[in-house]
């Protein structure tokens, strides 16, 4: 089977991204070792995160990395807001 996972990535809807990633991980648990998986994210522009591969650790790692830019952006925004208060 060939599967392409589309993950919408946006900073504004962090709780929904967490749910989407959780379901993505659950879905990958049922993917067979011989299946090919590609991961594509989209927000303002589409980005191919990994091409079709059977390398399970690779596409799991790609999904894990989807969450980190949101955390970095929220930390930066919080620092900026705190600097304006004091």
N, C-alpha and C. Protein backbone atom coordinates (compact mmCIF):
# COMPACT_ATOMS: atom_id res chain seq x y z
N UNK A 1 0.85 -1.16 0.00
CA UNK A 1 0.00 0.00 0.00
C UNK A 1 0.90 1.24 0.00
N UNK A 2 0.46 2.29 -0.66
CA UNK A 2 1.16 3.57 -0.67
C UNK A 2 0.28 4.60 0.00
N UNK A 3 0.86 5.31 0.99
CA UNK A 3 0.08 6.25 1.81
C UNK A 3 0.77 7.60 1.81
N UNK A 4 -0.01 8.65 1.64
CA UNK A 4 0.52 10.01 1.78
C UNK A 4 -0.24 10.69 2.91
N UNK A 5 0.46 11.04 3.97
CA UNK A 5 -0.17 11.70 5.11
C UNK A 5 -0.05 13.20 4.93
N UNK A 6 -1.18 13.90 4.95
CA UNK A 6 -1.19 15.37 4.89
C UNK A 6 -1.44 15.89 6.29
N UNK A 7 -0.53 16.71 6.78
CA UNK A 7 -0.66 17.27 8.12
C UNK A 7 -0.72 18.78 7.98
N UNK A 8 -1.85 19.38 8.38
CA UNK A 8 -1.95 20.83 8.34
C UNK A 8 -1.15 21.39 9.50
N UNK A 9 -0.28 22.30 9.19
CA UNK A 9 0.60 22.86 10.20
C UNK A 9 0.33 24.35 10.34
N UNK A 10 -0.10 24.77 11.52
CA UNK A 10 -0.33 26.18 11.78
C UNK A 10 -0.08 26.47 13.25
N UNK A 11 0.47 27.62 13.53
CA UNK A 11 0.76 28.01 14.92
C UNK A 11 -0.51 28.37 15.68
N UNK A 12 -1.55 28.74 14.98
CA UNK A 12 -2.74 29.28 15.63
C UNK A 12 -3.62 28.22 16.25
N UNK A 13 -3.48 26.98 15.82
CA UNK A 13 -4.37 25.93 16.29
C UNK A 13 -3.58 24.79 16.92
N UNK A 14 -2.72 25.13 17.85
CA UNK A 14 -1.85 24.15 18.50
C UNK A 14 -2.61 22.94 19.06
N UNK A 15 -3.74 23.12 19.76
CA UNK A 15 -4.43 21.94 20.29
C UNK A 15 -4.87 20.97 19.20
N UNK A 16 -5.28 21.50 18.04
CA UNK A 16 -5.68 20.63 16.93
C UNK A 16 -4.48 19.92 16.32
N UNK A 17 -3.33 20.59 16.28
CA UNK A 17 -2.12 19.96 15.76
C UNK A 17 -1.73 18.79 16.65
N UNK A 18 -1.83 18.96 17.94
CA UNK A 18 -1.51 17.88 18.88
C UNK A 18 -2.42 16.68 18.62
N UNK A 19 -3.71 16.93 18.43
CA UNK A 19 -4.66 15.84 18.16
C UNK A 19 -4.32 15.18 16.83
N UNK A 20 -4.03 15.99 15.81
CA UNK A 20 -3.69 15.44 14.49
C UNK A 20 -2.44 14.57 14.57
N UNK A 21 -1.44 15.03 15.30
CA UNK A 21 -0.21 14.24 15.43
C UNK A 21 -0.46 12.95 16.21
N UNK A 22 -1.29 13.02 17.23
CA UNK A 22 -1.62 11.82 18.01
C UNK A 22 -2.29 10.77 17.12
N UNK A 23 -3.25 11.21 16.30
CA UNK A 23 -3.91 10.28 15.38
C UNK A 23 -2.95 9.78 14.31
N UNK A 24 -2.03 10.63 13.90
CA UNK A 24 -1.03 10.21 12.91
C UNK A 24 -0.16 9.09 13.46
N UNK A 25 0.29 9.24 14.71
CA UNK A 25 1.09 8.19 15.34
C UNK A 25 0.29 6.90 15.46
N UNK A 26 -0.99 7.02 15.84
CA UNK A 26 -1.84 5.83 15.97
C UNK A 26 -2.02 5.15 14.62
N UNK A 27 -2.19 5.95 13.59
CA UNK A 27 -2.34 5.38 12.25
C UNK A 27 -1.07 4.66 11.82
N UNK A 28 0.07 5.22 12.12
CA UNK A 28 1.33 4.60 11.72
C UNK A 28 1.57 3.27 12.43
N UNK A 29 0.89 3.05 13.55
CA UNK A 29 1.01 1.76 14.24
C UNK A 29 0.42 0.62 13.42
N UNK A 30 -0.50 0.92 12.52
CA UNK A 30 -1.13 -0.13 11.73
C UNK A 30 -0.54 -0.25 10.32
N UNK A 31 0.43 0.59 10.00
CA UNK A 31 1.08 0.52 8.69
C UNK A 31 2.02 -0.68 8.68
N UNK A 32 1.93 -1.46 7.63
CA UNK A 32 2.78 -2.64 7.50
C UNK A 32 4.19 -2.25 7.06
N UNK A 33 5.19 -3.03 7.41
CA UNK A 33 6.57 -2.71 7.05
C UNK A 33 6.82 -2.56 5.55
N UNK A 34 6.02 -3.20 4.73
CA UNK A 34 6.21 -3.11 3.28
C UNK A 34 5.46 -1.93 2.65
N UNK A 35 4.67 -1.20 3.44
CA UNK A 35 3.93 -0.05 2.93
C UNK A 35 4.86 1.15 2.78
N UNK A 36 4.60 1.96 1.78
CA UNK A 36 5.35 3.20 1.56
C UNK A 36 4.56 4.36 2.13
N UNK A 37 5.24 5.24 2.86
CA UNK A 37 4.59 6.39 3.49
C UNK A 37 5.34 7.66 3.12
N UNK A 38 4.59 8.70 2.76
CA UNK A 38 5.15 10.03 2.56
C UNK A 38 4.41 10.96 3.51
N UNK A 39 5.09 11.98 3.99
CA UNK A 39 4.48 12.96 4.90
C UNK A 39 4.60 14.33 4.25
N UNK A 40 3.47 15.02 4.14
CA UNK A 40 3.42 16.34 3.52
C UNK A 40 2.71 17.28 4.50
N UNK A 41 3.31 18.45 4.73
CA UNK A 41 2.64 19.44 5.59
C UNK A 41 2.20 20.59 4.71
N UNK A 42 1.17 21.27 5.16
CA UNK A 42 0.74 22.45 4.42
C UNK A 42 0.18 23.48 5.37
N UNK A 43 0.48 24.72 5.09
CA UNK A 43 -0.09 25.87 5.77
C UNK A 43 -0.27 26.92 4.68
N UNK A 44 0.64 27.84 4.56
CA UNK A 44 0.59 28.76 3.44
C UNK A 44 1.23 28.15 2.19
N UNK A 45 2.12 27.22 2.41
CA UNK A 45 2.75 26.53 1.28
C UNK A 45 2.89 25.05 1.63
N UNK A 46 2.85 24.23 0.62
CA UNK A 46 2.98 22.80 0.81
C UNK A 46 4.46 22.44 0.89
N UNK A 47 4.79 21.55 1.81
CA UNK A 47 6.18 21.12 1.96
C UNK A 47 6.21 19.60 2.11
N UNK A 48 7.01 18.96 1.28
CA UNK A 48 7.19 17.51 1.39
C UNK A 48 8.22 17.26 2.49
N UNK A 49 7.78 16.68 3.58
CA UNK A 49 8.67 16.43 4.71
C UNK A 49 9.48 15.16 4.52
N UNK A 50 8.89 14.16 3.90
CA UNK A 50 9.62 12.96 3.51
C UNK A 50 8.93 12.35 2.30
N UNK A 51 9.74 11.90 1.37
CA UNK A 51 9.20 11.25 0.19
C UNK A 51 8.77 9.84 0.58
N UNK A 52 8.17 9.13 -0.35
CA UNK A 52 7.69 7.78 -0.04
C UNK A 52 8.86 6.89 0.39
N UNK A 53 8.69 6.28 1.55
CA UNK A 53 9.73 5.44 2.12
C UNK A 53 9.11 4.34 2.97
N UNK A 54 9.86 3.29 3.16
CA UNK A 54 9.46 2.21 4.07
C UNK A 54 10.21 2.32 5.39
N UNK A 55 10.97 3.36 5.55
CA UNK A 55 11.79 3.58 6.75
C UNK A 55 10.93 4.18 7.86
N UNK A 56 10.40 3.31 8.70
CA UNK A 56 9.48 3.74 9.76
C UNK A 56 10.08 4.79 10.70
N UNK A 57 11.31 4.59 11.21
CA UNK A 57 11.87 5.61 12.10
C UNK A 57 11.97 6.99 11.44
N UNK A 58 12.17 7.00 10.13
CA UNK A 58 12.28 8.28 9.43
C UNK A 58 10.97 9.05 9.45
N UNK A 59 9.86 8.41 9.08
CA UNK A 59 8.61 9.18 9.04
C UNK A 59 8.06 9.44 10.44
N UNK A 60 8.37 8.62 11.41
CA UNK A 60 8.00 8.94 12.79
C UNK A 60 8.79 10.15 13.27
N UNK A 61 10.08 10.19 12.95
CA UNK A 61 10.92 11.35 13.32
C UNK A 61 10.41 12.63 12.67
N UNK A 62 9.95 12.54 11.43
CA UNK A 62 9.41 13.71 10.73
C UNK A 62 8.16 14.23 11.46
N UNK A 63 7.30 13.34 11.88
CA UNK A 63 6.10 13.77 12.62
C UNK A 63 6.45 14.39 13.96
N UNK A 64 7.44 13.85 14.64
CA UNK A 64 7.87 14.42 15.91
C UNK A 64 8.40 15.84 15.69
N UNK A 65 9.15 16.03 14.62
CA UNK A 65 9.71 17.35 14.33
C UNK A 65 8.66 18.38 13.94
N UNK A 66 7.48 17.94 13.57
CA UNK A 66 6.40 18.89 13.23
C UNK A 66 6.01 19.75 14.43
N UNK A 67 6.13 19.21 15.63
CA UNK A 67 5.67 19.92 16.82
C UNK A 67 6.65 20.98 17.30
N UNK A 68 7.93 20.81 17.08
CA UNK A 68 8.91 21.71 17.66
C UNK A 68 8.86 23.15 17.16
N UNK A 69 8.62 23.44 15.88
CA UNK A 69 8.53 24.85 15.48
C UNK A 69 7.44 25.61 16.21
N UNK A 70 6.34 24.93 16.52
CA UNK A 70 5.26 25.58 17.26
C UNK A 70 5.74 25.97 18.65
N UNK A 71 6.44 25.06 19.32
CA UNK A 71 6.94 25.35 20.66
C UNK A 71 7.93 26.51 20.64
N UNK A 72 8.81 26.52 19.66
CA UNK A 72 9.80 27.59 19.54
C UNK A 72 9.09 28.91 19.29
N UNK A 73 8.10 28.93 18.41
CA UNK A 73 7.38 30.15 18.11
C UNK A 73 6.63 30.67 19.33
N UNK A 74 6.00 29.80 20.07
CA UNK A 74 5.28 30.24 21.28
C UNK A 74 6.23 30.79 22.33
N UNK A 75 7.40 30.18 22.47
CA UNK A 75 8.38 30.68 23.42
C UNK A 75 8.85 32.07 23.01
N UNK A 76 9.12 32.26 21.74
CA UNK A 76 9.56 33.57 21.25
C UNK A 76 8.48 34.63 21.46
N UNK A 77 7.24 34.27 21.17
CA UNK A 77 6.13 35.21 21.35
C UNK A 77 5.98 35.57 22.82
N UNK A 78 6.08 34.60 23.70
CA UNK A 78 5.96 34.87 25.14
C UNK A 78 7.08 35.78 25.62
N UNK A 79 8.30 35.54 25.19
CA UNK A 79 9.42 36.42 25.57
C UNK A 79 9.19 37.84 25.07
N UNK A 80 8.70 37.97 23.83
CA UNK A 80 8.44 39.29 23.28
C UNK A 80 7.37 40.01 24.09
N UNK A 81 6.30 39.32 24.46
CA UNK A 81 5.23 39.94 25.24
C UNK A 81 5.74 40.34 26.64
N UNK A 82 6.52 39.46 27.24
CA UNK A 82 7.06 39.78 28.58
C UNK A 82 8.01 40.99 28.52
N UNK A 83 8.77 41.12 27.45
CA UNK A 83 9.69 42.26 27.34
C UNK A 83 8.93 43.57 27.20
N UNK A 84 7.74 43.53 26.69
CA UNK A 84 6.94 44.75 26.53
C UNK A 84 6.30 45.17 27.85
N UNK A 85 6.11 44.21 28.76
CA UNK A 85 5.50 44.51 30.07
C UNK A 85 6.50 45.23 30.96
N UNK A 86 7.71 44.70 31.02
CA UNK A 86 8.71 45.21 31.95
C UNK A 86 9.55 46.22 31.32
